[in-house]
C-alpha atoms as a PDB file:
ATOM      1  CA  ARG A   1       0.000   0.000   0.000  1.00  0.00           C
ATOM      2  CA  PRO A   2       1.376   3.464  -0.801  1.00  0.00           C
ATOM      3  CA  GLY A   3       3.068   5.136   2.152  1.00  0.00           C
ATOM      4  CA  THR A   4       3.902   1.882   3.933  1.00  0.00           C
ATOM      5  CA  HIS A   5       7.185   1.445   5.792  1.00  0.00           C
ATOM      6  CA  VAL A   6       8.468  -2.057   6.555  1.00  0.00           C
ATOM      7  CA  ASP A   7      11.113  -2.755   9.225  1.00  0.00           C
ATOM      8  CA  LEU A   8      12.809  -6.147   8.925  1.00  0.00           C
ATOM      9  CA  VAL A   9      14.828  -7.098  11.994  1.00  0.00           C
ATOM     10  CA  GLY A  10      14.347 -10.833  12.538  1.00  0.00           C
ATOM     11  CA  GLY A  11      16.109 -12.619   9.684  1.00  0.00           C
ATOM     12  CA  PHE A  12      19.838 -12.592  10.368  1.00  0.00           C
ATOM     13  CA  THR A  13      21.263 -15.387   8.208  1.00  0.00           C
ATOM     14  CA  PRO A  14      21.409 -15.756   4.413  1.00  0.00           C
ATOM     15  CA  THR A  15      18.694 -18.438   4.553  1.00  0.00           C
ATOM     16  CA  MET A  16      16.216 -16.519   6.748  1.00  0.00           C
ATOM     17  CA  ARG A  17      13.621 -14.154   5.264  1.00  0.00           C
ATOM     18  CA  GLU A  18      10.798 -12.036   6.618  1.00  0.00           C
ATOM     19  CA  SER A  19       9.715 -10.548   3.285  1.00  0.00           C
ATOM     20  CA  ASP A  20       9.013 -11.849  -0.179  1.00  0.00           C
ATOM     21  CA  ASP A  21      10.431 -10.676  -3.496  1.00  0.00           C
ATOM     22  CA  ASP A  22       7.405  -8.457  -4.165  1.00  0.00           C
ATOM     23  CA  ALA A  23       8.092  -6.434  -1.018  1.00  0.00           C
ATOM     24  CA  ILE A  24      11.694  -5.908  -2.119  1.00  0.00           C
ATOM     25  CA  ARG A  25      10.680  -5.112  -5.689  1.00  0.00           C
ATOM     26  CA  LEU A  26       8.059  -2.509  -4.689  1.00  0.00           C
ATOM     27  CA  ALA A  27      10.016  -0.711  -1.972  1.00  0.00           C
ATOM     28  CA  ARG A  28      12.875   1.731  -1.757  1.00  0.00           C
ATOM     29  CA  VAL A  29      15.349  -0.427   0.188  1.00  0.00           C
ATOM     30  CA  TYR A  30      17.545   0.876   3.012  1.00  0.00           C
ATOM     31  CA  VAL A  31      19.959  -1.133   5.185  1.00  0.00           C
ATOM     32  CA  ASP A  32      21.878  -0.611   8.405  1.00  0.00           C
ATOM     33  CA  THR A  33      25.187  -1.489   6.722  1.00  0.00           C
ATOM     34  CA  ARG A  34      25.700  -2.549   3.133  1.00  0.00           C
ATOM     35  CA  ALA A  35      28.485  -4.965   4.092  1.00  0.00           C
ATOM     36  CA  GLY A  36      26.368  -6.760   6.671  1.00  0.00           C
ATOM     37  CA  ALA A  37      23.075  -6.781   4.798  1.00  0.00           C
ATOM     38  CA  THR A  38      24.542  -8.030   1.525  1.00  0.00           C
ATOM     39  CA  LYS A  39      26.334 -10.928   3.222  1.00  0.00           C
ATOM     40  CA  GLU A  40      24.182 -11.877   6.223  1.00  0.00           C
ATOM     41  CA  ALA A  41      20.539 -10.980   5.595  1.00  0.00           C
ATOM     42  CA  GLY A  42      18.429 -13.389   3.561  1.00  0.00           C
ATOM     43  CA  ASP A  43      15.993 -10.564   2.814  1.00  0.00           C
ATOM     44  CA  ILE A  44      18.807  -8.904   0.845  1.00  0.00           C
ATOM     45  CA  VAL A  45      21.135 -11.816  -0.053  1.00  0.00           C
ATOM     46  CA  GLN A  46      18.468 -13.904  -1.784  1.00  0.00           C
ATOM     47  CA  PRO A  47      16.959 -11.096  -3.923  1.00  0.00           C
ATOM     48  CA  LEU A  48      20.490 -10.057  -4.923  1.00  0.00           C
ATOM     49  CA  ALA A  49      21.292 -13.632  -5.957  1.00  0.00           C
ATOM     50  CA  SER A  50      18.101 -13.971  -8.011  1.00  0.00           C
ATOM     51  CA  GLY A  51      18.379 -10.547  -9.650  1.00  0.00           C
ATOM     52  CA  VAL A  52      15.266  -9.111  -7.995  1.00  0.00           C
ATOM     53  CA  LEU A  53      17.507  -6.551  -6.273  1.00  0.00           C
ATOM     54  CA  LYS A  54      20.734  -5.025  -7.546  1.00  0.00           C
ATOM     55  CA  PRO A  55      23.408  -3.596  -5.223  1.00  0.00           C
ATOM     56  CA  GLU A  56      22.976  -0.152  -6.756  1.00  0.00           C
ATOM     57  CA  THR A  57      19.237  -0.134  -6.023  1.00  0.00           C
ATOM     58  CA  ILE A  58      19.852  -0.234  -2.269  1.00  0.00           C
ATOM     59  CA  VAL A  59      19.111   3.445  -1.683  1.00  0.00           C
ATOM     60  CA  ALA A  60      21.229   4.054   1.411  1.00  0.00           C
ATOM     61  CA  ASP A  61      22.684   2.721   4.619  1.00  0.00           C
ATOM     62  CA  LEU A  62      22.453   4.378   8.037  1.00  0.00           C
ATOM     63  CA  HIS A  63      25.822   6.125   7.662  1.00  0.00           C
ATOM     64  CA  GLU A  64      24.732   7.749   4.399  1.00  0.00           C
ATOM     65  CA  LEU A  65      21.382   8.803   5.857  1.00  0.00           C
ATOM     66  CA  ALA A  66      22.874  10.221   9.066  1.00  0.00           C
ATOM     67  CA  ARG A  67      25.499  12.193   7.143  1.00  0.00           C
ATOM     68  CA  GLY A  68      22.892  13.587   4.761  1.00  0.00           C
ATOM     69  CA  GLN A  69      24.625  11.956   1.794  1.00  0.00           C
ATOM     70  CA  LYS A  70      21.445  10.156   0.739  1.00  0.00           C
ATOM     71  CA  LYS A  71      17.779  10.993   1.205  1.00  0.00           C
ATOM     72  CA  GLY A  72      15.186   8.979   3.020  1.00  0.00           C
ATOM     73  CA  ARG A  73      11.528   8.995   2.038  1.00  0.00           C
ATOM     74  CA  GLU A  74      10.922  11.541  -0.707  1.00  0.00           C
ATOM     75  CA  SER A  75       7.113  11.418  -0.865  1.00  0.00           C
ATOM     76  CA  ALA A  76       4.235  10.365   1.347  1.00  0.00           C
ATOM     77  CA  GLY A  77       3.260   7.640  -1.108  1.00  0.00           C
ATOM     78  CA  GLU A  78       6.601   5.855  -1.273  1.00  0.00           C
ATOM     79  CA  ILE A  79       6.943   2.347   0.073  1.00  0.00           C
ATOM     80  CA  THR A  80      10.134   2.054   2.103  1.00  0.00           C
ATOM     81  CA  LEU A  81      11.837  -0.974   3.595  1.00  0.00           C
ATOM     82  CA  PHE A  82      14.633  -1.001   6.169  1.00  0.00           C
ATOM     83  CA  LYS A  83      16.669  -4.174   6.739  1.00  0.00           C
ATOM     84  CA  SER A  84      18.639  -4.395   9.959  1.00  0.00           C
ATOM     85  CA  VAL A  85      21.166  -7.102  10.713  1.00  0.00           C
ATOM     86  CA  GLY A  86      21.933  -5.647  14.125  1.00  0.00           C
ATOM     87  CA  ALA A  87      24.956  -3.451  13.522  1.00  0.00           C
ATOM     88  CA  ALA A  88      26.364  -1.884  16.682  1.00  0.00           C
ATOM     89  CA  LEU A  89      25.882   1.625  15.287  1.00  0.00           C
ATOM     90  CA  GLU A  90      22.117   1.303  15.723  1.00  0.00           C
END
């Protein structure tokens, strides 16, 4: 639904997922750390492996958002998804 935000915090291995490919495909994807999410999180690892998600379509990580290098939500209708693997910076 437009304007939805999804927080994914439970799946922490490459074989664990909380979302399906449609959620990844429809959302602007953010991660806590690119290094952790692209190696440890099934919600990111599996869509990357299947081509549903490309590394360059991950909008930002927390460092980039906090530094103002990348923008978060840009409109009220956007669907956003944040994947956390539990980085200490959170």
